Amino acid sequence: MKLFEVENGYIGFGVVKCFVIAENEDRAIEIARHKYKAQSKCYGEHYYLKSHCNVPLQ
């Protein structure tokens, strides 16, 4: 398991990111998108569809 920093890809007032512990980058993005989607009731799909992962944190 590794620690990933995942940004939602949407810039409003600033970058929104979360930290995810996952087996790989794809799984980290999947987990983060699920959380971003739950918080995106005011924003729509563009809030989380462009999520991307930064390098694993050591």
Foldseek 3Di string as FASTA:
>chain_A
DFKWWKWQQDADPHIDIDIDDDDDQVVRLVVVLVVQVVVCPPPPDSRHPPMGIDDTDD
